Amino acid sequence: MNGFQSGITALVKSALTGEKTEVSENFDWDNALNTAKKHQIVPLIYYGIMYSEIEAPKDIFAETENITYQCIAVNHNQLYELEKLYRAFEESGIEYMPLKGAVMKCLYPKPEMRTMGDADILIKPLQYEKIRVTMQGLGFREILESDHELVWDKKTIHIELHKRLIPSYNKDYYAYYGEGWSFARPENKSRFKLSDEDTFIYIFTHYAKHYRDGGIGIRHITDLYVYLSAKPDLNKEYIEAELKKLKLLDYYNNTLHTVNVWFNGEQPDIMSDFITERIFESGSYGTYVSHIVSVAVKASGFGGNVKLKKIFKLIFLPYKAMCKKYPCLKKAPFLLPVMWAVRIADVIFNKRDKITTQKKELNYITDDKIAEYKRELNFVGLDFNFKETSYEKSREK
């Protein structure tokens, strides 16, 4: 862990605890501001500066202050809209369970410290027609649907209604969670929550999923520290037993050590330095290249020519995906080979920009990069315990 990284984590801890800290005289404030923006933790840096009474450069401090005030306004609007939505769901008898950032915000000393790009809520798809009417009545606009989400938008907030806790194409974690409702506990007739232990396990699984899918940022490892600090009496034996079922126990121990290096004074080592470096370089949700290589690792099935497989899958979409592009197949499935030929012609003549993008992505996929990515995951205690098949892409509404 280098001096710059230590300075960032010290400011974050100061914001969370109110304890004063110091940064070195040659601390790179420009890089600190860029890092804070990239990881969406500007309010944490601002409050760290304030609580520690550090004389940061005036332009840097002014920008962190301005962004933090914007975050305060956004947070106010988000919480206001969420409370309206929760009341509307309860009045309509719609069962729901807030997730992730919507839960974590209330555990931070100030809710704006935990920025939230969107609010995640688990719903029951069987109630979706009632949900659609309720959302429209509140002024939301339906945007798209993916494997596990139904996305709605309003000027003041972005809502992701989850059909399940984990995407079904993340087969190992989905096998544990299913749709997720078996873990739910009622708070009232409509609102549900996870137990404190299951909340932590879910937050950690979500963090691990993003780490291996291309990367995760400072904000999310900070969530782990905040949650563990807010819930000191968690049943650790239960948590470790469940994480073992998820094949995440080794990664959990390595991550917990890294959290303690950042915030509790444990001595860094090769493992914590590696995870820290990966997190700092990732941004909020990883880099473009790391996502491409991650997808290739999942698609490879740990063998075979990944590029050829990717090209094949791009051209020869599965029947369900082809039906969405060419509805005539629903009535005439025997035309599938013909429509594959039509698709090839369509891509060649009408979607040259897409071809250029795909060629660029394929250039990132090499056997060496795939092997290196697997080694890095194995080193920290992670793996893809499945071969990912083609899955339904997001569909705009």
Protein backbone atom coordinates (compact mmCIF):
# COMPACT_ATOMS: atom_id res chain seq x y z
CA MET A 1 0.00 0.00 0.00
CA ASN A 2 1.68 3.17 -1.16
CA GLY A 3 1.58 6.61 0.47
CA PHE A 4 -1.10 7.99 -1.83
CA GLN A 5 -3.42 5.05 -1.19
CA SER A 6 -2.82 5.36 2.56
CA GLY A 7 -3.69 9.06 2.36
CA ILE A 8 -7.00 8.35 0.60
CA THR A 9 -8.04 5.63 3.04
CA ALA A 10 -7.01 7.82 6.00
CA LEU A 11 -9.28 10.64 4.76
CA VAL A 12 -12.13 8.18 4.23
CA LYS A 13 -11.71 6.83 7.76
CA SER A 14 -11.65 10.36 9.19
CA ALA A 15 -14.95 11.10 7.43
CA LEU A 16 -16.51 7.94 8.85
CA THR A 17 -15.21 8.20 12.41
CA GLY A 18 -14.63 11.92 12.93
CA GLU A 19 -11.05 11.19 13.98
CA LYS A 20 -8.35 13.54 12.76
CA THR A 21 -5.70 12.31 10.36
CA GLU A 22 -2.76 13.69 8.42
CA VAL A 23 -1.50 13.35 4.88
CA SER A 24 2.05 13.80 3.68
CA GLU A 25 3.32 17.21 2.58
CA ASN A 26 3.70 15.95 -1.00
CA PHE A 27 0.26 14.34 -1.12
CA ASP A 28 -1.03 14.50 -4.69
CA TRP A 29 -4.27 16.45 -4.27
CA ASP A 30 -5.06 16.58 -7.98
CA ASN A 31 -4.83 12.80 -8.17
CA ALA A 32 -6.87 12.53 -4.96
CA LEU A 33 -9.72 14.56 -6.47
CA ASN A 34 -9.63 12.53 -9.69
CA THR A 35 -9.62 9.29 -7.70
CA ALA A 36 -12.53 10.49 -5.55
CA LYS A 37 -14.57 11.36 -8.65
CA LYS A 38 -13.72 8.06 -10.33
CA HIS A 39 -14.79 6.09 -7.26
CA GLN A 40 -17.74 8.34 -6.35
CA ILE A 41 -16.40 9.13 -2.87
CA VAL A 42 -15.95 12.91 -3.08
CA PRO A 43 -18.11 13.59 0.03
CA LEU A 44 -15.92 11.23 2.06
CA ILE A 45 -12.80 13.12 1.01
CA TYR A 46 -14.48 16.46 1.73
CA TYR A 47 -15.55 15.47 5.25
CA GLY A 48 -12.14 13.89 5.86
CA ILE A 49 -10.50 17.22 5.03
CA MET A 50 -13.00 19.09 7.21
CA TYR A 51 -12.79 16.83 10.28
CA SER A 52 -8.98 16.65 10.09
CA GLU A 53 -8.67 20.43 9.57
CA ILE A 54 -6.29 19.83 6.68
CA GLU A 55 -5.31 22.80 4.53
CA ALA A 56 -5.92 21.32 1.11
CA PRO A 57 -5.32 23.50 -1.98
CA LYS A 58 -8.15 26.04 -2.23
CA ASP A 59 -9.30 24.95 -5.68
CA ILE A 60 -9.36 21.29 -4.65
CA PHE A 61 -11.28 22.02 -1.45
CA ALA A 62 -13.75 24.26 -3.28
CA GLU A 63 -14.50 21.53 -5.83
CA THR A 64 -14.96 18.82 -3.19
CA GLU A 65 -17.25 21.17 -1.27
CA ASN A 66 -19.32 22.00 -4.36
CA ILE A 67 -19.69 18.32 -5.34
CA THR A 68 -20.62 17.39 -1.76
CA TYR A 69 -23.37 20.02 -1.66
CA GLN A 70 -24.68 18.60 -4.94
CA CYS A 71 -24.62 15.13 -3.36
CA ILE A 72 -26.61 16.45 -0.39
CA ALA A 73 -29.30 17.73 -2.74
CA VAL A 74 -29.34 14.50 -4.76
CA ASN A 75 -29.50 12.43 -1.56
CA HIS A 76 -32.44 14.46 -0.27
CA ASN A 77 -34.36 13.95 -3.50
CA GLN A 78 -33.52 10.24 -3.64
CA LEU A 79 -34.69 9.56 -0.08
CA TYR A 80 -37.84 11.64 -0.59
CA GLU A 81 -38.76 9.74 -3.76
CA LEU A 82 -37.96 6.39 -2.15
CA GLU A 83 -40.25 7.06 0.81
CA LYS A 84 -43.05 8.03 -1.60
CA LEU A 85 -42.45 4.83 -3.56
CA TYR A 86 -42.39 2.65 -0.45
CA ARG A 87 -45.68 4.17 0.77
CA ALA A 88 -47.29 3.65 -2.62
CA PHE A 89 -46.16 0.02 -2.71
CA GLU A 90 -47.57 -0.58 0.76
CA GLU A 91 -50.87 1.11 -0.06
CA SER A 92 -51.16 -1.12 -3.16
CA GLY A 93 -50.16 -4.32 -1.36
CA ILE A 94 -46.96 -4.68 -3.38
CA GLU A 95 -44.26 -6.75 -1.68
CA TYR A 96 -40.77 -5.28 -1.88
CA MET A 97 -37.33 -5.38 -0.28
CA PRO A 98 -34.80 -2.49 -0.44
CA LEU A 99 -31.26 -3.57 -1.35
CA LYS A 100 -27.64 -2.39 -1.44
CA GLY A 101 -27.20 1.40 -1.47
CA ALA A 102 -30.76 2.03 -0.34
CA VAL A 103 -29.94 0.02 2.80
CA MET A 104 -26.34 1.19 3.26
CA LYS A 105 -27.09 4.93 3.19
CA CYS A 106 -28.70 4.88 6.61
CA LEU A 107 -25.60 3.30 8.19
CA TYR A 108 -23.20 6.08 7.16
CA PRO A 109 -22.73 9.06 9.54
CA LYS A 110 -24.26 11.29 6.85
CA PRO A 111 -26.33 9.69 4.07
CA GLU A 112 -24.70 11.81 1.34
CA MET A 113 -21.38 10.13 2.19
CA ARG A 114 -22.73 7.02 0.51
CA THR A 115 -23.52 8.13 -3.04
CA MET A 116 -26.03 6.04 -4.94
CA GLY A 117 -26.42 6.07 -8.72
CA ASP A 118 -29.67 4.14 -8.50
CA ALA A 119 -31.91 2.54 -5.90
CA ASP A 120 -32.26 -1.25 -5.96
CA ILE A 121 -35.46 -2.94 -4.82
CA LEU A 122 -36.38 -6.62 -5.00
CA ILE A 123 -39.93 -7.20 -6.26
CA LYS A 124 -42.08 -10.18 -7.23
CA PRO A 125 -42.52 -10.34 -11.03
CA LEU A 126 -46.04 -11.77 -10.60
CA GLN A 127 -47.04 -8.36 -9.20
CA TYR A 128 -45.45 -6.42 -12.04
CA GLU A 129 -48.65 -5.20 -13.70
CA LYS A 130 -49.70 -3.64 -10.40
CA ILE A 131 -46.17 -2.28 -9.97
CA ARG A 132 -46.21 -0.76 -13.47
CA VAL A 133 -49.42 1.15 -12.73
CA THR A 134 -47.98 2.38 -9.42
CA MET A 135 -44.68 3.49 -10.99
CA GLN A 136 -46.44 5.32 -13.79
CA GLY A 137 -48.73 7.00 -11.28
CA LEU A 138 -45.65 8.37 -9.50
CA GLY A 139 -44.25 9.82 -12.72
CA PHE A 140 -41.65 7.14 -13.49
CA ARG A 141 -40.79 6.08 -17.03
CA GLU A 142 -40.00 2.46 -17.90
CA ILE A 143 -36.56 2.25 -19.55
CA LEU A 144 -35.40 -1.33 -20.09
CA GLU A 145 -35.49 -4.90 -18.90
CA SER A 146 -32.53 -7.20 -18.37
CA ASP A 147 -32.09 -10.72 -17.04
CA HIS A 148 -32.60 -9.60 -13.45
CA GLU A 149 -33.76 -5.96 -13.54
CA LEU A 150 -36.64 -3.76 -14.63
CA VAL A 151 -35.31 -0.22 -14.84
CA TRP A 152 -37.42 2.89 -14.28
CA ASP A 153 -36.35 6.52 -14.35
CA LYS A 154 -37.52 9.86 -13.06
CA LYS A 155 -35.70 13.18 -13.12
CA THR A 156 -34.76 12.92 -9.46
CA ILE A 157 -34.05 9.18 -9.13
CA HIS A 158 -33.18 6.02 -11.06
CA ILE A 159 -34.86 2.81 -9.83
CA GLU A 160 -33.79 -0.76 -10.57
CA LEU A 161 -36.51 -3.26 -9.67
CA HIS A 162 -34.81 -6.62 -9.22
CA LYS A 163 -36.58 -9.78 -10.35
CA ARG A 164 -33.95 -11.74 -8.44
CA LEU A 165 -31.05 -10.95 -6.11
CA ILE A 166 -28.37 -12.27 -8.48
CA PRO A 167 -28.46 -12.52 -12.30
CA SER A 168 -29.36 -16.04 -13.38
CA TYR A 169 -26.31 -16.15 -15.66
CA ASN A 170 -24.05 -15.89 -12.58
CA LYS A 171 -24.87 -19.55 -12.10
CA ASP A 172 -22.85 -20.26 -8.96
CA TYR A 173 -24.21 -17.38 -6.85
CA TYR A 174 -27.69 -17.72 -8.36
CA ALA A 175 -27.72 -21.39 -7.33
CA TYR A 176 -27.37 -20.20 -3.71
CA TYR A 177 -29.86 -17.30 -3.82
CA GLY A 178 -32.48 -18.37 -6.34
CA GLU A 179 -35.00 -15.53 -6.64
CA GLY A 180 -34.01 -14.38 -3.15
CA TRP A 181 -37.36 -14.35 -1.37
CA SER A 182 -36.53 -17.42 0.72
CA PHE A 183 -34.10 -15.16 2.65
CA ALA A 184 -36.65 -12.38 3.19
CA ARG A 185 -38.10 -11.47 6.59
CA PRO A 186 -41.25 -9.31 6.89
CA GLU A 187 -41.09 -5.83 8.40
CA ASN A 188 -44.78 -5.24 7.69
CA LYS A 189 -47.32 -6.71 5.28
CA SER A 190 -45.46 -5.36 2.22
CA ARG A 191 -41.92 -4.49 3.20
CA PHE A 192 -39.26 -7.14 3.71
CA LYS A 193 -35.60 -7.22 4.69
CA LEU A 194 -32.72 -9.66 5.00
CA SER A 195 -31.37 -10.55 8.43
CA ASP A 196 -28.29 -8.57 9.44
CA GLU A 197 -26.09 -11.56 8.64
CA ASP A 198 -27.74 -12.25 5.28
CA THR A 199 -27.53 -8.57 4.41
CA PHE A 200 -23.79 -8.67 4.94
CA ILE A 201 -23.42 -11.90 2.96
CA TYR A 202 -25.39 -10.39 0.09
CA ILE A 203 -23.37 -7.16 0.12
CA PHE A 204 -20.18 -9.21 0.11
CA THR A 205 -21.41 -11.53 -2.66
CA HIS A 206 -22.35 -8.51 -4.77
CA TYR A 207 -18.90 -7.03 -4.12
CA ALA A 208 -17.20 -10.33 -5.08
CA LYS A 209 -19.35 -10.66 -8.21
CA HIS A 210 -18.26 -7.24 -9.45
CA TYR A 211 -14.62 -7.81 -8.48
CA ARG A 212 -14.34 -10.92 -10.62
CA ASP A 213 -16.53 -9.43 -13.40
CA GLY A 214 -14.03 -6.66 -14.01
CA GLY A 215 -13.47 -4.73 -10.81
CA ILE A 216 -15.04 -2.84 -7.91
CA GLY A 217 -14.20 0.47 -6.26
CA ILE A 218 -13.27 2.11 -2.97
CA ARG A 219 -16.91 2.88 -2.12
CA HIS A 220 -17.83 -0.79 -1.99
CA ILE A 221 -14.99 -1.97 0.23
CA THR A 222 -15.85 1.01 2.45
CA ASP A 223 -19.40 -0.38 2.65
CA LEU A 224 -17.98 -3.52 4.24
CA TYR A 225 -16.16 -1.51 6.89
CA VAL A 226 -19.22 0.65 7.62
CA TYR A 227 -21.50 -2.38 7.89
CA LEU A 228 -19.15 -4.33 10.16
CA SER A 229 -18.72 -1.24 12.37
CA ALA A 230 -22.48 -0.68 12.59
CA LYS A 231 -23.22 -4.36 13.33
CA PRO A 232 -20.53 -5.55 15.77
CA ASP A 233 -22.61 -8.48 17.05
CA LEU A 234 -23.02 -10.34 13.77
CA ASN A 235 -23.02 -14.14 13.92
CA LYS A 236 -19.61 -14.67 12.36
CA GLU A 237 -19.88 -18.47 12.43
CA TYR A 238 -23.05 -18.33 10.32
CA ILE A 239 -21.51 -15.83 7.91
CA GLU A 240 -18.39 -17.92 7.40
CA ALA A 241 -20.42 -21.12 6.94
CA GLU A 242 -22.60 -19.50 4.26
CA LEU A 243 -19.63 -17.91 2.50
CA LYS A 244 -18.00 -21.33 2.44
CA LYS A 245 -21.09 -22.65 0.59
CA LEU A 246 -20.66 -19.80 -1.89
CA LYS A 247 -16.93 -20.65 -2.26
CA LEU A 248 -16.13 -17.15 -1.04
CA LEU A 249 -14.56 -17.85 2.35
CA ASP A 250 -10.94 -17.48 1.21
CA TYR A 251 -11.75 -14.28 -0.65
CA TYR A 252 -13.66 -13.00 2.38
CA ASN A 253 -10.67 -13.57 4.67
CA ASN A 254 -8.36 -11.82 2.21
CA THR A 255 -10.78 -8.92 1.82
CA LEU A 256 -11.37 -8.63 5.57
CA HIS A 257 -7.61 -8.39 6.04
CA THR A 258 -7.51 -5.62 3.42
CA VAL A 259 -10.34 -3.75 5.17
CA ASN A 260 -8.40 -3.96 8.43
CA VAL A 261 -5.24 -2.70 6.73
CA TRP A 262 -7.14 0.27 5.38
CA PHE A 263 -9.06 1.20 8.49
CA ASN A 264 -7.87 -0.71 11.58
CA GLY A 265 -4.09 -0.54 11.47
CA GLU A 266 -3.27 -4.12 10.42
CA GLN A 267 0.07 -4.60 8.71
CA PRO A 268 -0.17 -4.73 4.90
CA ASP A 269 1.19 -7.71 3.01
CA ILE A 270 1.35 -8.97 -0.57
CA MET A 271 -2.33 -9.94 -0.53
CA SER A 272 -3.69 -6.65 0.82
CA ASP A 273 -1.38 -4.69 -1.48
CA PHE A 274 -2.62 -6.66 -4.49
CA ILE A 275 -6.32 -6.19 -3.66
CA THR A 276 -5.75 -2.51 -2.86
CA GLU A 277 -4.00 -1.92 -6.17
CA ARG A 278 -6.76 -3.69 -8.08
CA ILE A 279 -9.47 -1.66 -6.34
CA PHE A 280 -7.76 1.71 -6.80
CA GLU A 281 -7.18 1.09 -10.51
CA SER A 282 -10.73 -0.14 -11.09
CA GLY A 283 -12.89 2.94 -10.58
CA SER A 284 -16.43 2.32 -9.32
CA TYR A 285 -17.06 -0.81 -11.39
CA GLY A 286 -13.86 -1.79 -13.15
CA THR A 287 -12.19 -0.84 -16.40
CA TYR A 288 -13.35 -1.43 -19.96
CA VAL A 289 -10.53 -3.87 -20.72
CA SER A 290 -10.98 -5.86 -17.51
CA HIS A 291 -14.67 -6.33 -18.30
CA ILE A 292 -13.86 -7.60 -21.79
CA VAL A 293 -11.29 -10.10 -20.47
CA SER A 294 -13.66 -11.17 -17.69
CA VAL A 295 -16.39 -11.96 -20.21
CA ALA A 296 -13.86 -13.95 -22.24
CA VAL A 297 -12.85 -15.96 -19.17
CA LYS A 298 -16.48 -16.87 -18.46
CA ALA A 299 -17.16 -17.70 -22.10
CA SER A 300 -14.05 -19.81 -22.49
CA GLY A 301 -15.17 -22.64 -20.25
CA PHE A 302 -11.44 -22.85 -19.39
CA GLY A 303 -10.57 -24.17 -22.82
CA GLY A 304 -10.96 -23.74 -26.56
CA ASN A 305 -10.51 -20.77 -28.87
CA VAL A 306 -12.27 -17.89 -27.16
CA LYS A 307 -12.17 -15.55 -30.15
CA LEU A 308 -13.80 -18.10 -32.44
CA LYS A 309 -16.44 -18.82 -29.81
CA LYS A 310 -17.19 -15.11 -29.40
CA ILE A 311 -17.48 -14.57 -33.15
CA PHE A 312 -19.72 -17.61 -33.45
CA LYS A 313 -21.98 -16.40 -30.63
CA LEU A 314 -22.18 -12.88 -32.10
CA ILE A 315 -23.38 -14.22 -35.43
CA PHE A 316 -25.44 -17.24 -34.43
CA LEU A 317 -27.62 -15.86 -31.67
CA PRO A 318 -29.79 -18.41 -29.82
CA TYR A 319 -33.39 -18.90 -30.91
CA LYS A 320 -34.97 -16.70 -28.20
CA ALA A 321 -32.66 -13.77 -28.99
CA MET A 322 -33.28 -14.19 -32.73
CA CYS A 323 -37.05 -14.14 -32.12
CA LYS A 324 -36.74 -10.70 -30.54
CA LYS A 325 -34.90 -9.41 -33.61
CA TYR A 326 -37.01 -11.32 -36.14
CA PRO A 327 -40.52 -11.97 -34.70
CA CYS A 328 -41.49 -14.08 -37.73
CA LEU A 329 -39.47 -16.93 -36.16
CA LYS A 330 -42.07 -17.35 -33.42
CA LYS A 331 -44.49 -18.72 -36.00
CA ALA A 332 -41.89 -20.28 -38.29
CA PRO A 333 -38.93 -21.58 -36.22
CA PHE A 334 -37.73 -23.65 -39.20
CA LEU A 335 -36.58 -20.36 -40.77
CA LEU A 336 -33.83 -19.94 -38.14
CA PRO A 337 -30.92 -20.83 -40.52
CA VAL A 338 -32.30 -18.39 -43.11
CA MET A 339 -32.57 -15.59 -40.54
CA TRP A 340 -28.99 -16.22 -39.40
CA ALA A 341 -27.95 -15.48 -43.00
CA VAL A 342 -30.13 -12.34 -42.94
CA ARG A 343 -28.46 -11.28 -39.70
CA ILE A 344 -24.97 -11.70 -41.19
CA ALA A 345 -25.94 -9.49 -44.15
CA ASP A 346 -27.56 -6.94 -41.81
CA VAL A 347 -24.43 -6.67 -39.67
CA ILE A 348 -22.09 -6.41 -42.68
CA PHE A 349 -24.05 -3.74 -44.52
CA ASN A 350 -25.81 -1.77 -41.80
CA LYS A 351 -23.78 -2.07 -38.59
CA ARG A 352 -20.18 -1.30 -39.49
CA ASP A 353 -19.68 0.66 -36.27
CA LYS A 354 -20.66 -2.44 -34.30
CA ILE A 355 -18.19 -4.54 -36.29
CA THR A 356 -15.41 -2.05 -35.49
CA THR A 357 -16.28 -2.18 -31.78
CA GLN A 358 -16.33 -5.98 -31.77
CA LYS A 359 -12.97 -6.14 -33.56
CA LYS A 360 -11.53 -3.80 -30.94
CA GLU A 361 -12.88 -6.00 -28.15
CA LEU A 362 -11.52 -9.16 -29.76
CA ASN A 363 -8.05 -7.59 -29.88
CA TYR A 364 -8.08 -7.44 -26.08
CA ILE A 365 -8.77 -11.16 -25.82
CA THR A 366 -5.56 -13.15 -25.86
CA ASP A 367 -4.70 -16.46 -24.26
CA ASP A 368 -2.09 -14.71 -22.09
CA LYS A 369 -4.57 -12.12 -20.79
CA ILE A 370 -7.16 -14.79 -20.03
CA ALA A 371 -4.60 -16.93 -18.20
CA GLU A 372 -3.33 -13.92 -16.24
CA TYR A 373 -6.86 -12.93 -15.23
CA LYS A 374 -7.58 -16.44 -13.98
CA ARG A 375 -4.32 -16.47 -11.98
CA GLU A 376 -5.18 -13.12 -10.38
CA LEU A 377 -8.62 -14.32 -9.36
CA ASN A 378 -7.26 -17.59 -7.99
CA PHE A 379 -4.63 -15.66 -6.01
CA VAL A 380 -7.24 -13.68 -4.06
CA GLY A 381 -9.50 -16.71 -3.61
CA LEU A 382 -12.00 -16.24 -6.44
CA ASP A 383 -13.00 -18.26 -9.47
CA PHE A 384 -15.74 -18.56 -12.06
CA ASN A 385 -17.38 -21.80 -11.00
CA PHE A 386 -19.39 -22.05 -14.20
CA LYS A 387 -19.23 -21.54 -17.93
CA GLU A 388 -21.39 -18.57 -18.84
CA THR A 389 -23.68 -19.17 -21.80
CA SER A 390 -25.41 -16.58 -23.94
CA TYR A 391 -27.96 -14.63 -21.97
CA GLU A 392 -30.65 -12.15 -22.75
CA LYS A 393 -29.28 -8.66 -23.21
CA SER A 394 -31.06 -5.57 -21.85
CA ARG A 395 -34.05 -4.51 -23.87
CA GLU A 396 -35.00 -0.85 -24.11
CA LYS A 397 -38.65 -0.04 -23.51
